[in-house]
Amino acid sequence: CAPRDYDKKLMPFFTRLSPRYHSVIWLHLGFMYLNGLRKLGRDVSGARAKLEALIMEYRNVLETLEPSGKPYKTWLHSTEHGFSMASGQYLELIGAKS
């Protein structure tokens, strides 16, 4: 689950235009976490399947998601599609070799 929203009084002005951006779910962090668990010998197949389902649903590796699983979007800003950091972490997770 995503953390609480940040106190808007503590945010710089332009950050206030997209206040939940830093409180939503970041896929690359999830993949990093799973990579760490996998390297420790833990089974990550269930969580991996959930993240892969999101990739297939949106036909893309997204930067951020709402807790509902929908892409993050405001009137000013929306999630990045084809997010390379999450893509690279996913390739590491599935064991892709360069």
N, C-alpha and C. Protein backbone atom coordinates (compact mmCIF):
# COMPACT_ATOMS: atom_id res chain seq x y z
N CYS A 1 0.84 -1.18 0.00
CA CYS A 1 0.00 0.00 0.00
C CYS A 1 0.88 1.24 0.00
N ALA A 2 0.37 2.29 -0.54
CA ALA A 2 1.12 3.53 -0.65
C ALA A 2 1.09 4.29 0.68
N PRO A 3 2.14 5.04 0.97
CA PRO A 3 2.17 5.82 2.21
C PRO A 3 1.19 6.99 2.16
N ARG A 4 1.02 7.63 3.32
CA ARG A 4 0.15 8.81 3.37
C ARG A 4 0.68 9.88 2.44
N ASP A 5 -0.21 10.77 2.00
CA ASP A 5 0.21 11.91 1.21
C ASP A 5 1.10 12.82 2.05
N TYR A 6 2.03 13.49 1.41
CA TYR A 6 2.89 14.44 2.09
C TYR A 6 2.10 15.69 2.49
N ASP A 7 2.53 16.34 3.54
CA ASP A 7 1.93 17.60 3.98
C ASP A 7 2.22 18.66 2.91
N LYS A 8 1.19 19.19 2.31
CA LYS A 8 1.37 20.16 1.21
C LYS A 8 2.11 21.42 1.65
N LYS A 9 2.03 21.76 2.92
CA LYS A 9 2.74 22.95 3.40
C LYS A 9 4.25 22.77 3.31
N LEU A 10 4.71 21.52 3.29
CA LEU A 10 6.14 21.25 3.24
C LEU A 10 6.66 21.11 1.80
N MET A 11 5.76 21.15 0.83
CA MET A 11 6.14 20.94 -0.56
C MET A 11 6.48 22.25 -1.27
N PRO A 12 7.49 22.21 -2.16
CA PRO A 12 7.72 23.37 -3.02
C PRO A 12 6.47 23.61 -3.89
N PHE A 13 6.31 24.81 -4.38
CA PHE A 13 5.11 25.19 -5.11
C PHE A 13 4.79 24.23 -6.26
N PHE A 14 5.73 23.97 -7.15
CA PHE A 14 5.43 23.15 -8.33
C PHE A 14 5.11 21.70 -7.96
N THR A 15 5.67 21.21 -6.87
CA THR A 15 5.35 19.86 -6.41
C THR A 15 3.90 19.78 -5.96
N ARG A 16 3.35 20.88 -5.48
CA ARG A 16 1.96 20.91 -5.03
C ARG A 16 0.99 20.68 -6.19
N LEU A 17 1.44 20.91 -7.41
CA LEU A 17 0.57 20.71 -8.58
C LEU A 17 0.34 19.23 -8.87
N SER A 18 1.16 18.39 -8.30
CA SER A 18 1.03 16.93 -8.46
C SER A 18 1.36 16.27 -7.12
N PRO A 19 0.58 16.55 -6.08
CA PRO A 19 0.96 16.22 -4.71
C PRO A 19 1.08 14.74 -4.37
N ARG A 20 0.34 13.88 -5.02
CA ARG A 20 0.40 12.46 -4.68
C ARG A 20 1.52 11.72 -5.40
N TYR A 21 2.21 12.39 -6.30
CA TYR A 21 3.22 11.74 -7.14
C TYR A 21 4.23 10.94 -6.33
N HIS A 22 4.69 11.48 -5.22
CA HIS A 22 5.70 10.78 -4.42
C HIS A 22 5.10 9.80 -3.42
N SER A 23 3.78 9.68 -3.41
CA SER A 23 3.11 8.78 -2.48
C SER A 23 2.45 7.59 -3.18
N VAL A 24 2.58 7.49 -4.50
CA VAL A 24 1.95 6.38 -5.20
C VAL A 24 2.92 5.20 -5.29
N ILE A 25 2.52 4.17 -5.97
CA ILE A 25 3.31 2.95 -6.08
C ILE A 25 4.26 3.07 -7.27
N TRP A 26 5.53 2.86 -7.01
CA TRP A 26 6.57 2.94 -8.04
C TRP A 26 6.99 1.53 -8.41
N LEU A 27 6.75 1.13 -9.66
CA LEU A 27 7.04 -0.24 -10.06
C LEU A 27 8.52 -0.60 -9.94
N HIS A 28 9.42 0.32 -10.25
CA HIS A 28 10.84 -0.03 -10.20
C HIS A 28 11.27 -0.39 -8.78
N LEU A 29 10.66 0.23 -7.77
CA LEU A 29 11.00 -0.12 -6.40
C LEU A 29 10.50 -1.52 -6.05
N GLY A 30 9.33 -1.88 -6.58
CA GLY A 30 8.82 -3.23 -6.37
C GLY A 30 9.73 -4.27 -7.01
N PHE A 31 10.18 -3.99 -8.22
CA PHE A 31 11.08 -4.92 -8.89
C PHE A 31 12.43 -5.00 -8.17
N MET A 32 12.93 -3.88 -7.67
CA MET A 32 14.19 -3.91 -6.90
C MET A 32 14.03 -4.78 -5.65
N TYR A 33 12.92 -4.63 -4.97
CA TYR A 33 12.65 -5.42 -3.77
C TYR A 33 12.62 -6.91 -4.11
N LEU A 34 11.92 -7.25 -5.19
CA LEU A 34 11.84 -8.65 -5.59
C LEU A 34 13.20 -9.20 -6.01
N ASN A 35 14.00 -8.37 -6.68
CA ASN A 35 15.35 -8.81 -7.05
C ASN A 35 16.17 -9.12 -5.80
N GLY A 36 16.04 -8.29 -4.78
CA GLY A 36 16.76 -8.54 -3.53
C GLY A 36 16.31 -9.82 -2.87
N LEU A 37 15.00 -10.03 -2.80
CA LEU A 37 14.47 -11.26 -2.21
C LEU A 37 14.92 -12.49 -3.00
N ARG A 38 14.88 -12.38 -4.32
CA ARG A 38 15.29 -13.51 -5.17
C ARG A 38 16.76 -13.86 -4.93
N LYS A 39 17.60 -12.83 -4.80
CA LYS A 39 19.03 -13.08 -4.56
C LYS A 39 19.27 -13.70 -3.19
N LEU A 40 18.33 -13.52 -2.27
CA LEU A 40 18.42 -14.16 -0.96
C LEU A 40 17.83 -15.57 -0.97
N GLY A 41 17.38 -16.00 -2.14
CA GLY A 41 16.84 -17.35 -2.26
C GLY A 41 15.36 -17.47 -1.97
N ARG A 42 14.67 -16.35 -1.86
CA ARG A 42 13.22 -16.37 -1.56
C ARG A 42 12.41 -16.57 -2.83
N ASP A 43 11.26 -17.17 -2.69
CA ASP A 43 10.35 -17.37 -3.82
C ASP A 43 9.57 -16.07 -4.05
N VAL A 44 9.71 -15.50 -5.22
CA VAL A 44 9.02 -14.25 -5.55
C VAL A 44 8.02 -14.44 -6.68
N SER A 45 7.71 -15.69 -6.99
CA SER A 45 6.88 -15.97 -8.16
C SER A 45 5.48 -15.34 -8.06
N GLY A 46 4.88 -15.32 -6.89
CA GLY A 46 3.54 -14.74 -6.74
C GLY A 46 3.54 -13.24 -7.00
N ALA A 47 4.46 -12.52 -6.38
CA ALA A 47 4.54 -11.06 -6.58
C ALA A 47 4.97 -10.74 -8.01
N ARG A 48 5.88 -11.55 -8.54
CA ARG A 48 6.31 -11.34 -9.93
C ARG A 48 5.13 -11.47 -10.87
N ALA A 49 4.29 -12.47 -10.65
CA ALA A 49 3.12 -12.68 -11.50
C ALA A 49 2.16 -11.49 -11.45
N LYS A 50 2.00 -10.89 -10.27
CA LYS A 50 1.13 -9.72 -10.15
C LYS A 50 1.68 -8.53 -10.94
N LEU A 51 3.00 -8.31 -10.86
CA LEU A 51 3.59 -7.22 -11.61
C LEU A 51 3.56 -7.49 -13.11
N GLU A 52 3.77 -8.74 -13.49
CA GLU A 52 3.69 -9.09 -14.91
C GLU A 52 2.26 -8.91 -15.44
N ALA A 53 1.26 -9.19 -14.61
CA ALA A 53 -0.13 -8.98 -15.03
C ALA A 53 -0.39 -7.49 -15.30
N LEU A 54 0.20 -6.61 -14.50
CA LEU A 54 0.05 -5.17 -14.75
C LEU A 54 0.72 -4.77 -16.05
N ILE A 55 1.90 -5.33 -16.31
CA ILE A 55 2.59 -5.04 -17.57
C ILE A 55 1.72 -5.48 -18.74
N MET A 56 1.15 -6.66 -18.65
CA MET A 56 0.31 -7.16 -19.74
C MET A 56 -0.99 -6.37 -19.87
N GLU A 57 -1.57 -5.98 -18.74
CA GLU A 57 -2.82 -5.20 -18.78
C GLU A 57 -2.63 -3.89 -19.52
N TYR A 58 -1.54 -3.20 -19.24
CA TYR A 58 -1.30 -1.90 -19.85
C TYR A 58 -0.38 -1.98 -21.07
N ARG A 59 0.10 -3.19 -21.36
CA ARG A 59 0.99 -3.40 -22.51
C ARG A 59 2.19 -2.47 -22.47
N ASN A 60 2.67 -2.25 -21.24
CA ASN A 60 3.76 -1.31 -21.05
C ASN A 60 4.29 -1.44 -19.63
N VAL A 61 5.51 -1.00 -19.42
CA VAL A 61 6.07 -0.93 -18.06
C VAL A 61 5.91 0.51 -17.60
N LEU A 62 5.01 0.71 -16.66
CA LEU A 62 4.69 2.06 -16.20
C LEU A 62 5.60 2.49 -15.06
N GLU A 63 5.67 3.79 -14.86
CA GLU A 63 6.47 4.36 -13.78
C GLU A 63 5.76 4.24 -12.44
N THR A 64 4.53 4.69 -12.38
CA THR A 64 3.79 4.76 -11.12
C THR A 64 2.34 4.31 -11.31
N LEU A 65 1.78 3.78 -10.21
CA LEU A 65 0.39 3.36 -10.19
C LEU A 65 -0.30 3.89 -8.95
N GLU A 66 -1.59 4.10 -9.06
CA GLU A 66 -2.41 4.40 -7.89
C GLU A 66 -2.56 3.11 -7.08
N PRO A 67 -2.93 3.19 -5.80
CA PRO A 67 -3.18 1.97 -5.03
C PRO A 67 -4.24 1.06 -5.66
N SER A 68 -5.13 1.64 -6.47
CA SER A 68 -6.16 0.85 -7.17
C SER A 68 -5.58 0.02 -8.31
N GLY A 69 -4.33 0.29 -8.69
CA GLY A 69 -3.71 -0.40 -9.81
C GLY A 69 -3.81 0.35 -11.12
N LYS A 70 -4.47 1.48 -11.12
CA LYS A 70 -4.59 2.31 -12.33
C LYS A 70 -3.37 3.22 -12.45
N PRO A 71 -2.99 3.59 -13.67
CA PRO A 71 -1.86 4.51 -13.84
C PRO A 71 -2.10 5.84 -13.13
N TYR A 72 -1.05 6.39 -12.52
CA TYR A 72 -1.15 7.67 -11.84
C TYR A 72 -1.40 8.77 -12.88
N LYS A 73 -2.36 9.64 -12.60
CA LYS A 73 -2.67 10.73 -13.54
C LYS A 73 -3.35 11.86 -12.81
N THR A 74 -2.93 13.08 -13.12
CA THR A 74 -3.61 14.28 -12.64
C THR A 74 -3.90 15.14 -13.86
N TRP A 75 -4.50 16.29 -13.64
CA TRP A 75 -4.79 17.19 -14.75
C TRP A 75 -3.51 17.73 -15.39
N LEU A 76 -2.38 17.65 -14.64
CA LEU A 76 -1.13 18.23 -15.12
C LEU A 76 -0.07 17.19 -15.46
N HIS A 77 -0.13 16.05 -14.83
CA HIS A 77 0.98 15.10 -14.89
C HIS A 77 0.44 13.67 -14.91
N SER A 78 1.11 12.82 -15.65
CA SER A 78 0.71 11.41 -15.64
C SER A 78 1.94 10.52 -15.64
N THR A 79 1.73 9.25 -15.35
CA THR A 79 2.83 8.31 -15.26
C THR A 79 3.58 8.19 -16.58
N GLU A 80 4.85 7.90 -16.48
CA GLU A 80 5.66 7.70 -17.67
C GLU A 80 5.44 6.27 -18.17
N HIS A 81 5.28 6.14 -19.47
CA HIS A 81 5.14 4.82 -20.10
C HIS A 81 6.51 4.41 -20.62
N GLY A 82 6.78 3.11 -20.60
CA GLY A 82 8.07 2.62 -21.05
C GLY A 82 9.18 3.05 -20.11
N PHE A 83 8.91 3.01 -18.81
CA PHE A 83 9.86 3.49 -17.81
C PHE A 83 11.08 2.56 -17.78
N SER A 84 12.22 3.08 -18.22
CA SER A 84 13.40 2.24 -18.40
C SER A 84 13.95 1.67 -17.10
N MET A 85 13.85 2.40 -16.00
CA MET A 85 14.38 1.89 -14.73
C MET A 85 13.59 0.65 -14.30
N ALA A 86 12.28 0.69 -14.40
CA ALA A 86 11.47 -0.48 -14.05
C ALA A 86 11.69 -1.60 -15.06
N SER A 87 11.86 -1.25 -16.33
CA SER A 87 12.10 -2.26 -17.36
C SER A 87 13.39 -3.01 -17.08
N GLY A 88 14.44 -2.28 -16.74
CA GLY A 88 15.72 -2.91 -16.43
C GLY A 88 15.64 -3.80 -15.21
N GLN A 89 14.92 -3.37 -14.19
CA GLN A 89 14.76 -4.19 -12.99
C GLN A 89 13.95 -5.45 -13.31
N TYR A 90 12.97 -5.32 -14.18
CA TYR A 90 12.20 -6.49 -14.58
C TYR A 90 13.08 -7.48 -15.34
N LEU A 91 13.90 -6.98 -16.26
CA LEU A 91 14.80 -7.88 -16.99
C LEU A 91 15.75 -8.60 -16.05
N GLU A 92 16.22 -7.89 -15.03
CA GLU A 92 17.08 -8.55 -14.04
C GLU A 92 16.29 -9.64 -13.30
N LEU A 93 15.04 -9.35 -12.97
CA LEU A 93 14.22 -10.30 -12.24
C LEU A 93 14.00 -11.59 -13.03
N ILE A 94 13.78 -11.46 -14.31
CA ILE A 94 13.50 -12.67 -15.11
C ILE A 94 14.80 -13.34 -15.57
N GLY A 95 15.93 -12.75 -15.22
CA GLY A 95 17.21 -13.39 -15.53
C GLY A 95 17.71 -13.14 -16.93
N ALA A 96 17.24 -12.06 -17.56
CA ALA A 96 17.71 -11.74 -18.92
C ALA A 96 19.18 -11.41 -18.90
N LYS A 97 19.90 -11.88 -19.87
CA LYS A 97 21.34 -11.62 -19.98
C LYS A 97 21.58 -10.61 -21.10
N SER A 98 22.56 -9.74 -20.90
CA SER A 98 22.85 -8.76 -21.96
C SER A 98 23.95 -9.29 -22.85
